[in-house]
Amino acid sequence: MSEILFLAHRVPFPPDRGDKIRSNHLLRRIAEIAPVHVGALADDAADMAQEHELAALAASHCLVRRSAPLPLAALAALGQGLPVSLAAFASARLQRWVNHVLETRPIAAIFVFSGQMAQYVPPAFRGRVVMDFVDVDSAKFEAYAQAGALPRRLLYAREARLLRRFEEQTARRVTTSLFITAQERALFESRLEHGALPDVRALGNGIDTQLFDPAAVLPAPELAGGEGPNIVFTGQMDYAPNITAVELFAHEVMPRIRAVHSQARFAIVGRAPTAAVQALAGVHSTLVTGAVPDVRPWLAGADIVTAPLLIARGVQNKVLEAMAMARPVLLTPAAATGIGAADGVHFVQADAPLSLAERALALLADKAAAEAMGAAARRFVIAECGWDRVLAPLRALLEGDADAA
């Protein structure tokens, strides 16, 4: 190959949240294939401080801080008839840099991470374009519109409609579109309205099982005091599906568990907890940690890791991390999507507060079975979910060998 342009809606460093974990591993693998030029956006000063990581990896880079507040981006989108998702990630400076790189470097392929970044690919580019949508974002906004309150429901419905149209237009002009699971791929294809199917494929998420190794870390001291048991949730805590999940668990599941285990505690571990999440502190012995330097000690100290997501798109990194740490995982069917593990063998599934509580109590009642489930979970992710295995098709996708991919 010649060279590759990589575009991401967030700087892929540090790999400490779901989207950054995926984009980080993709970028590192692409850098092994050919010299890579990276254009990315930064949410805040902490993201901007990661510029040295880009400089060390990329042949050239452009990191731009998003400056327009979301309300202004929404107004701009309304005025232009665009999805807010596009206006929120638009940057004239980044577009100029992209154009310059394409004019001055032998770019053979562009890898686009997240649908918002498709707006930066010039229509005149004739090389390969691999578009990693990750999830069907328009379907997520449709779900928000059904569950939300006015007037936000109307805004979500507008975003879903415009984004769905943009996703289809993008898929039809790029070489290959990627989704994180076969289920997301099938969902996307079922929503296409015009013409023959474009080239759409599934490329899953992986897990670093050497990093997430229960033998490598000690349990968090915060979980050591008290009788327990300790139930842990990890995630970005300003993300709506995570907020809904922990509210459900704290209010509706924990009382049933504490009726049997009066010292049971629920730890919500993750950055940027909203006011609604912070309000859960103390509710049925719930602990809200905020950002922690490392989630592994919290996973190591958990008797159960839970992911009771009602809305979930793609593979949940939080689930793979807990499985790699050999923890018994209690999750909803939505959170299990795309992992391919077996209910009752590698984790346990339930879809309502009562059944979540019942399955949690069953795990707590049989410690040996819970430990065996955790061990089976770790064996599964080692065998099936390593990044080398997951990203093996990437070179062929970028070089144009469709059969190999």
Protein backbone atom coordinates (compact mmCIF):
# COMPACT_ATOMS: atom_id res chain seq x y z
CA MET A 1 0.00 0.00 0.00
CA SER A 2 0.88 3.65 -0.09
CA GLU A 3 -0.43 5.56 2.93
CA ILE A 4 -3.65 5.61 4.96
CA LEU A 5 -5.76 8.43 6.38
CA PHE A 6 -7.47 7.63 9.69
CA LEU A 7 -10.34 9.82 10.94
CA ALA A 8 -11.87 9.52 14.41
CA HIS A 9 -14.50 11.54 16.24
CA ARG A 10 -12.44 11.34 19.45
CA VAL A 11 -8.69 11.11 19.88
CA PRO A 12 -8.02 7.37 20.41
CA PHE A 13 -5.98 7.98 23.58
CA PRO A 14 -6.12 6.95 26.32
CA PRO A 15 -8.09 3.76 25.55
CA ASP A 16 -10.26 4.10 28.65
CA ARG A 17 -13.81 4.12 27.25
CA GLY A 18 -15.62 1.93 24.73
CA ASP A 19 -15.17 3.98 21.57
CA LYS A 20 -11.55 4.86 22.37
CA ILE A 21 -10.66 1.25 23.10
CA ARG A 22 -11.87 0.18 19.68
CA SER A 23 -10.39 3.12 17.77
CA ASN A 24 -7.07 2.75 19.59
CA HIS A 25 -6.64 -0.88 18.61
CA LEU A 26 -7.76 -0.17 15.04
CA LEU A 27 -5.30 2.69 14.72
CA ARG A 28 -2.40 0.69 16.10
CA ARG A 29 -3.12 -2.18 13.72
CA ILE A 30 -3.43 0.18 10.73
CA ALA A 31 -0.10 1.80 11.65
CA GLU A 32 1.49 -1.64 11.27
CA ILE A 33 0.08 -1.91 7.74
CA ALA A 34 1.22 1.44 6.31
CA PRO A 35 2.17 5.00 7.31
CA VAL A 36 -0.96 6.58 8.76
CA HIS A 37 -2.11 10.18 8.96
CA VAL A 38 -4.58 10.81 11.80
CA GLY A 39 -7.28 13.46 12.03
CA ALA A 40 -9.27 13.50 15.25
CA LEU A 41 -11.32 15.68 17.53
CA ALA A 42 -10.86 16.35 21.24
CA ASP A 43 -13.64 16.86 23.77
CA ASP A 44 -11.57 18.72 26.37
CA ALA A 45 -8.10 19.70 27.59
CA ALA A 46 -7.43 16.15 28.79
CA ASP A 47 -7.99 14.89 25.23
CA MET A 48 -5.73 17.62 23.84
CA ALA A 49 -3.01 16.49 26.24
CA GLN A 50 -2.89 13.19 24.32
CA GLU A 51 -1.46 14.86 21.21
CA HIS A 52 1.99 13.45 21.95
CA GLU A 53 0.55 9.95 21.59
CA LEU A 54 -0.67 10.79 18.08
CA ALA A 55 2.68 12.34 17.20
CA ALA A 56 4.50 9.19 18.26
CA LEU A 57 2.33 6.90 16.13
CA ALA A 58 1.26 8.90 13.08
CA ALA A 59 3.17 10.09 10.03
CA SER A 60 1.24 13.34 10.52
CA HIS A 61 -1.74 14.36 12.58
CA CYS A 62 -4.32 17.04 13.24
CA LEU A 63 -6.04 17.20 16.61
CA VAL A 64 -8.80 19.81 16.92
CA ARG A 65 -10.73 20.62 20.06
CA ARG A 66 -14.48 20.75 19.63
CA SER A 67 -15.42 24.22 20.77
CA ALA A 68 -19.09 24.72 19.88
CA PRO A 69 -21.41 23.84 22.80
CA LEU A 70 -24.03 21.24 21.97
CA PRO A 71 -26.91 23.78 21.99
CA LEU A 72 -25.11 25.88 19.37
CA ALA A 73 -24.41 22.78 17.29
CA ALA A 74 -28.09 21.88 17.53
CA LEU A 75 -29.10 25.34 16.32
CA ALA A 76 -26.66 25.09 13.42
CA ALA A 77 -28.01 21.66 12.52
CA LEU A 78 -31.60 22.90 12.63
CA GLY A 79 -30.73 25.82 10.38
CA GLN A 80 -28.97 23.59 7.83
CA GLY A 81 -31.32 20.62 7.93
CA LEU A 82 -28.51 18.37 9.21
CA PRO A 83 -28.34 15.79 11.99
CA VAL A 84 -27.01 17.33 15.20
CA SER A 85 -24.44 14.53 15.27
CA LEU A 86 -22.80 15.99 12.17
CA ALA A 87 -22.89 19.63 13.26
CA ALA A 88 -21.44 18.73 16.67
CA PHE A 89 -18.35 17.17 15.04
CA ALA A 90 -17.87 19.62 12.16
CA SER A 91 -14.57 21.51 11.96
CA ALA A 92 -13.42 23.71 9.08
CA ARG A 93 -9.83 23.41 10.30
CA LEU A 94 -9.92 19.61 10.27
CA GLN A 95 -11.53 19.63 6.81
CA ARG A 96 -8.72 21.84 5.46
CA TRP A 97 -6.15 19.46 6.90
CA VAL A 98 -7.88 16.42 5.37
CA ASN A 99 -7.95 18.11 1.98
CA HIS A 100 -4.26 19.01 2.28
CA VAL A 101 -3.25 15.46 3.18
CA LEU A 102 -5.20 14.02 0.27
CA GLU A 103 -3.62 16.52 -2.11
CA THR A 104 -0.03 16.07 -0.92
CA ARG A 105 0.31 12.46 0.25
CA PRO A 106 -0.16 9.14 -1.63
CA ILE A 107 -3.29 8.16 0.30
CA ALA A 108 -4.60 4.84 -0.99
CA ALA A 109 -7.30 4.30 1.64
CA ILE A 110 -9.26 6.17 4.27
CA PHE A 111 -10.46 4.49 7.46
CA VAL A 112 -13.33 6.41 9.04
CA PHE A 113 -14.20 5.69 12.65
CA SER A 114 -17.77 6.66 13.63
CA GLY A 115 -20.44 7.90 11.27
CA GLN A 116 -20.02 11.59 12.15
CA MET A 117 -16.62 11.60 10.47
CA ALA A 118 -17.91 10.55 7.03
CA GLN A 119 -18.60 14.23 6.34
CA TYR A 120 -14.83 14.78 5.98
CA VAL A 121 -14.36 12.38 3.05
CA PRO A 122 -14.42 14.41 -0.20
CA PRO A 123 -16.75 12.98 -2.87
CA ALA A 124 -13.87 13.18 -5.37
CA PHE A 125 -11.65 10.73 -3.46
CA ARG A 126 -11.18 7.59 -5.57
CA GLY A 127 -9.31 5.32 -3.18
CA ARG A 128 -10.82 2.77 -0.81
CA VAL A 129 -12.94 4.06 2.06
CA VAL A 130 -13.69 1.77 5.01
CA MET A 131 -16.44 3.21 7.19
CA ASP A 132 -16.66 1.83 10.73
CA PHE A 133 -20.13 2.84 11.89
CA VAL A 134 -19.65 0.61 14.97
CA ASP A 135 -23.39 0.76 15.79
CA VAL A 136 -26.58 1.85 14.03
CA ASP A 137 -26.77 5.25 15.69
CA SER A 138 -30.07 6.18 14.05
CA ALA A 139 -31.73 3.17 15.69
CA LYS A 140 -30.41 4.30 19.05
CA PHE A 141 -32.02 7.71 18.62
CA GLU A 142 -35.26 6.03 17.61
CA ALA A 143 -35.20 4.17 20.92
CA TYR A 144 -34.53 7.42 22.77
CA ALA A 145 -37.46 9.05 20.99
CA GLN A 146 -39.81 6.29 22.11
CA ALA A 147 -38.73 6.51 25.74
CA GLY A 148 -38.03 10.23 26.14
CA ALA A 149 -40.21 13.14 27.19
CA LEU A 150 -41.24 16.15 25.16
CA PRO A 151 -39.65 18.21 23.66
CA ARG A 152 -36.56 16.01 23.69
CA ARG A 153 -38.55 13.19 22.11
CA LEU A 154 -39.16 15.34 19.02
CA LEU A 155 -35.47 16.23 18.74
CA TYR A 156 -34.50 12.56 19.02
CA ALA A 157 -37.04 11.61 16.36
CA ARG A 158 -35.65 14.28 14.01
CA GLU A 159 -32.09 13.09 14.66
CA ALA A 160 -33.06 9.48 14.00
CA ARG A 161 -34.75 10.34 10.69
CA LEU A 162 -31.94 12.52 9.32
CA LEU A 163 -29.18 10.27 10.61
CA ARG A 164 -30.78 7.20 9.05
CA ARG A 165 -30.76 8.92 5.67
CA PHE A 166 -27.14 10.01 6.12
CA GLU A 167 -26.04 6.51 7.16
CA GLU A 168 -27.53 5.00 4.01
CA GLN A 169 -26.02 7.66 1.77
CA THR A 170 -22.63 7.07 3.38
CA ALA A 171 -22.80 3.29 3.06
CA ARG A 172 -23.59 3.62 -0.64
CA ARG A 173 -20.61 5.85 -1.40
CA VAL A 174 -17.88 4.11 0.62
CA THR A 175 -16.16 0.84 -0.30
CA THR A 176 -17.06 -1.14 2.81
CA SER A 177 -19.11 -0.42 5.91
CA LEU A 178 -18.39 -2.12 9.22
CA PHE A 179 -20.56 -2.82 12.24
CA ILE A 180 -19.52 -4.30 15.53
CA THR A 181 -21.80 -7.34 15.42
CA ALA A 182 -23.65 -9.45 12.89
CA GLN A 183 -26.85 -8.29 14.57
CA GLU A 184 -26.01 -4.62 13.98
CA ARG A 185 -25.10 -5.41 10.39
CA ALA A 186 -28.42 -7.18 9.82
CA LEU A 187 -30.31 -4.33 11.48
CA PHE A 188 -28.60 -1.78 9.23
CA GLU A 189 -29.29 -3.78 6.09
CA SER A 190 -32.94 -4.18 7.06
CA ARG A 191 -33.30 -0.38 7.24
CA LEU A 192 -31.90 0.38 3.78
CA GLU A 193 -34.53 1.82 1.47
CA HIS A 194 -32.96 2.17 -1.97
CA GLY A 195 -31.31 -0.20 -4.43
CA ALA A 196 -29.00 -3.15 -4.01
CA LEU A 197 -27.22 -3.88 -0.76
CA PRO A 198 -23.84 -2.16 -0.35
CA ASP A 199 -20.83 -4.04 1.04
CA VAL A 200 -21.58 -4.27 4.78
CA ARG A 201 -19.62 -6.48 7.18
CA ALA A 202 -19.22 -7.23 10.87
CA LEU A 203 -15.93 -6.56 12.65
CA GLY A 204 -16.15 -7.24 16.36
CA ASN A 205 -14.50 -5.91 19.48
CA GLY A 206 -11.62 -7.61 21.20
CA ILE A 207 -10.11 -7.63 24.67
CA ASP A 208 -6.53 -7.46 25.94
CA THR A 209 -6.54 -10.55 28.16
CA GLN A 210 -2.99 -9.92 29.36
CA LEU A 211 -3.98 -6.51 30.70
CA PHE A 212 -7.30 -7.74 32.06
CA ASP A 213 -5.87 -10.64 34.04
CA PRO A 214 -7.17 -11.37 37.55
CA ALA A 215 -3.68 -12.41 38.60
CA ALA A 216 -2.27 -8.98 37.72
CA VAL A 217 -4.16 -6.75 40.20
CA LEU A 218 -5.43 -6.71 43.77
CA PRO A 219 -9.05 -5.88 44.67
CA ALA A 220 -9.88 -2.23 45.29
CA PRO A 221 -9.45 -1.39 49.01
CA GLU A 222 -12.82 0.37 48.94
CA LEU A 223 -14.45 -3.03 48.45
CA ALA A 224 -12.47 -4.77 51.19
CA GLY A 225 -14.37 -3.31 54.15
CA GLY A 226 -17.71 -4.77 55.11
CA GLU A 227 -19.20 -8.19 54.68
CA GLY A 228 -20.44 -7.73 51.13
CA PRO A 229 -21.20 -9.19 48.69
CA ASN A 230 -20.03 -6.52 46.22
CA ILE A 231 -21.81 -5.97 42.92
CA VAL A 232 -20.05 -3.69 40.43
CA PHE A 233 -21.09 -1.77 37.32
CA THR A 234 -18.48 -0.01 35.16
CA GLY A 235 -19.02 2.51 32.40
CA GLN A 236 -19.17 6.09 31.19
CA MET A 237 -21.69 7.58 33.57
CA ASP A 238 -23.01 10.43 31.45
CA TYR A 239 -24.19 7.92 28.81
CA ALA A 240 -27.97 7.59 28.88
CA PRO A 241 -28.24 3.75 28.65
CA ASN A 242 -25.73 3.40 31.52
CA ILE A 243 -27.68 5.88 33.63
CA THR A 244 -30.94 4.00 33.07
CA ALA A 245 -29.23 0.70 33.88
CA VAL A 246 -27.80 1.77 37.24
CA GLU A 247 -31.02 3.51 38.26
CA LEU A 248 -32.93 0.30 37.61
CA PHE A 249 -30.42 -1.81 39.50
CA ALA A 250 -30.12 0.49 42.52
CA HIS A 251 -33.85 1.07 42.95
CA GLU A 252 -35.39 -2.21 41.81
CA VAL A 253 -32.81 -4.98 42.08
CA MET A 254 -30.72 -4.09 45.13
CA PRO A 255 -33.67 -4.12 47.59
CA ARG A 256 -34.41 -7.73 46.62
CA ILE A 257 -30.75 -8.71 47.01
CA ARG A 258 -30.39 -6.90 50.34
CA ALA A 259 -33.46 -8.68 51.66
CA VAL A 260 -31.25 -11.80 51.67
CA HIS A 261 -27.78 -10.23 51.98
CA SER A 262 -28.25 -7.21 54.20
CA GLN A 263 -24.64 -6.03 53.73
CA ALA A 264 -24.67 -6.22 49.93
CA ARG A 265 -23.21 -3.17 48.17
CA PHE A 266 -23.56 -1.82 44.64
CA ALA A 267 -20.60 0.14 43.22
CA ILE A 268 -21.09 2.37 40.18
CA VAL A 269 -17.59 2.87 38.76
CA GLY A 270 -17.00 5.35 35.96
CA ARG A 271 -16.24 8.90 34.98
CA ALA A 272 -18.58 11.86 34.62
CA PRO A 273 -21.53 10.70 36.76
CA THR A 274 -24.51 12.94 36.13
CA ALA A 275 -26.59 14.47 38.90
CA ALA A 276 -29.03 11.58 38.50
CA VAL A 277 -26.24 9.05 39.04
CA GLN A 278 -24.75 10.96 41.98
CA ALA A 279 -28.18 10.98 43.58
CA LEU A 280 -27.98 7.18 43.80
CA ALA A 281 -25.14 7.36 46.35
CA GLY A 282 -26.38 5.72 49.52
CA VAL A 283 -29.55 4.34 47.93
CA HIS A 284 -29.72 0.70 49.09
CA SER A 285 -25.99 0.83 49.85
CA THR A 286 -24.94 2.20 46.46
CA LEU A 287 -21.46 3.72 46.03
CA VAL A 288 -20.75 6.18 43.20
CA THR A 289 -17.00 6.44 42.61
CA GLY A 290 -16.67 8.81 39.67
CA ALA A 291 -13.51 8.42 37.60
CA VAL A 292 -10.99 5.87 38.82
CA PRO A 293 -7.43 5.41 37.54
CA ASP A 294 -8.00 1.72 36.81
CA VAL A 295 -11.24 -0.30 36.71
CA ARG A 296 -9.44 -3.64 37.11
CA PRO A 297 -9.19 -3.55 40.93
CA TRP A 298 -12.91 -2.85 41.12
CA LEU A 299 -13.62 -5.80 38.86
CA ALA A 300 -11.22 -7.97 40.87
CA GLY A 301 -13.10 -7.13 44.07
CA ALA A 302 -16.55 -7.85 42.66
CA ASP A 303 -18.55 -10.89 43.64
CA ILE A 304 -20.74 -10.11 40.61
CA VAL A 305 -20.27 -7.67 37.76
CA THR A 306 -23.55 -6.51 36.28
CA ALA A 307 -24.55 -4.89 32.98
CA PRO A 308 -28.35 -4.49 33.14
CA LEU A 309 -28.61 -2.41 29.97
CA LEU A 310 -32.05 -1.96 28.44
CA ILE A 311 -30.66 -0.21 25.34
CA ALA A 312 -27.33 -1.52 24.07
CA ARG A 313 -25.68 -1.25 20.68
CA GLY A 314 -22.88 -3.59 19.71
CA VAL A 315 -20.42 -5.45 21.90
CA GLN A 316 -20.11 -4.11 25.44
CA ASN A 317 -16.46 -3.69 26.42
CA LYS A 318 -17.49 -3.69 30.08
CA VAL A 319 -18.75 -7.25 29.66
CA LEU A 320 -15.60 -8.50 27.92
CA GLU A 321 -13.43 -6.86 30.60
CA ALA A 322 -15.35 -8.50 33.42
CA MET A 323 -15.24 -11.87 31.67
CA ALA A 324 -11.48 -11.54 31.13
CA MET A 325 -11.13 -10.82 34.85
CA ALA A 326 -12.88 -14.16 35.52
CA ARG A 327 -15.86 -12.54 37.20
CA PRO A 328 -19.38 -13.95 37.08
CA VAL A 329 -21.35 -11.48 34.97
CA LEU A 330 -25.07 -10.75 35.33
CA LEU A 331 -26.46 -8.99 32.26
CA THR A 332 -29.49 -8.38 30.12
CA PRO A 333 -29.88 -9.97 26.68
CA ALA A 334 -29.22 -6.54 25.14
CA ALA A 335 -25.83 -6.33 26.86
CA ALA A 336 -24.94 -9.86 25.72
CA THR A 337 -25.42 -9.06 22.03
CA GLY A 338 -22.56 -10.07 19.75
CA ILE A 339 -20.44 -11.87 22.33
CA GLY A 340 -21.41 -15.42 21.41
CA ALA A 341 -21.00 -16.84 24.89
CA ALA A 342 -23.54 -19.15 26.51
CA ASP A 343 -26.07 -18.17 29.16
CA GLY A 344 -25.51 -20.22 32.28
CA VAL A 345 -21.99 -21.18 31.23
CA HIS A 346 -20.02 -17.96 30.62
CA PHE A 347 -22.48 -15.47 32.16
CA VAL A 348 -26.12 -15.29 33.26
CA GLN A 349 -28.88 -13.33 31.55
CA ALA A 350 -32.11 -11.84 32.84
CA ASP A 351 -34.39 -9.17 31.43
CA ALA A 352 -36.43 -7.80 34.35
CA PRO A 353 -35.66 -6.60 37.91
CA LEU A 354 -37.15 -9.67 39.59
CA SER A 355 -35.27 -12.14 37.38
CA LEU A 356 -32.05 -10.11 37.68
CA ALA A 357 -32.34 -10.34 41.46
CA GLU A 358 -33.13 -14.05 41.37
CA ARG A 359 -30.13 -14.87 39.19
CA ALA A 360 -27.86 -12.67 41.31
CA LEU A 361 -29.00 -14.49 44.45
CA ALA A 362 -28.40 -17.85 42.79
CA LEU A 363 -24.80 -16.83 41.97
CA LEU A 364 -24.24 -15.60 45.51
CA ALA A 365 -25.67 -18.82 46.98
CA ASP A 366 -23.20 -21.06 45.12
CA LYS A 367 -19.73 -19.54 45.28
CA ALA A 368 -18.08 -22.55 43.61
CA ALA A 369 -20.43 -22.35 40.64
CA ALA A 370 -19.86 -18.60 40.36
CA GLU A 371 -16.10 -19.09 40.35
CA ALA A 372 -16.39 -21.82 37.72
CA MET A 373 -18.48 -19.50 35.56
CA GLY A 374 -15.85 -16.77 35.87
CA ALA A 375 -13.10 -19.19 34.89
CA ALA A 376 -15.12 -20.37 31.88
CA ALA A 377 -15.70 -16.75 30.88
CA ARG A 378 -11.98 -16.01 30.90
CA ARG A 379 -11.22 -19.12 28.84
CA PHE A 380 -13.86 -18.03 26.32
CA VAL A 381 -12.50 -14.52 25.76
CA ILE A 382 -8.92 -15.79 25.51
CA ALA A 383 -9.97 -18.23 22.80
CA GLU A 384 -12.43 -16.04 20.90
CA CYS A 385 -11.95 -12.35 21.64
CA GLY A 386 -8.25 -11.48 21.34
CA TRP A 387 -7.59 -8.36 19.25
CA ASP A 388 -5.25 -10.23 16.89
CA ARG A 389 -8.04 -12.63 16.00
CA VAL A 390 -10.74 -9.97 15.75
CA LEU A 391 -8.77 -7.55 13.56
CA ALA A 392 -7.24 -10.16 11.25
CA PRO A 393 -9.40 -9.05 8.25
CA LEU A 394 -8.33 -5.41 8.50
CA ARG A 395 -5.41 -5.51 6.06
CA ALA A 396 -7.49 -7.19 3.36
CA LEU A 397 -10.28 -4.63 3.82
CA LEU A 398 -7.86 -1.77 3.31
CA GLU A 399 -5.96 -3.37 0.45
CA GLY A 400 -9.04 -4.51 -1.41
CA ASP A 401 -8.85 -8.29 -1.06
CA ALA A 402 -12.55 -8.90 -0.47
CA ASP A 403 -12.26 -12.68 -0.36
CA ALA A 404 -9.54 -12.61 2.26
CA ALA A 405 -11.47 -10.12 4.36
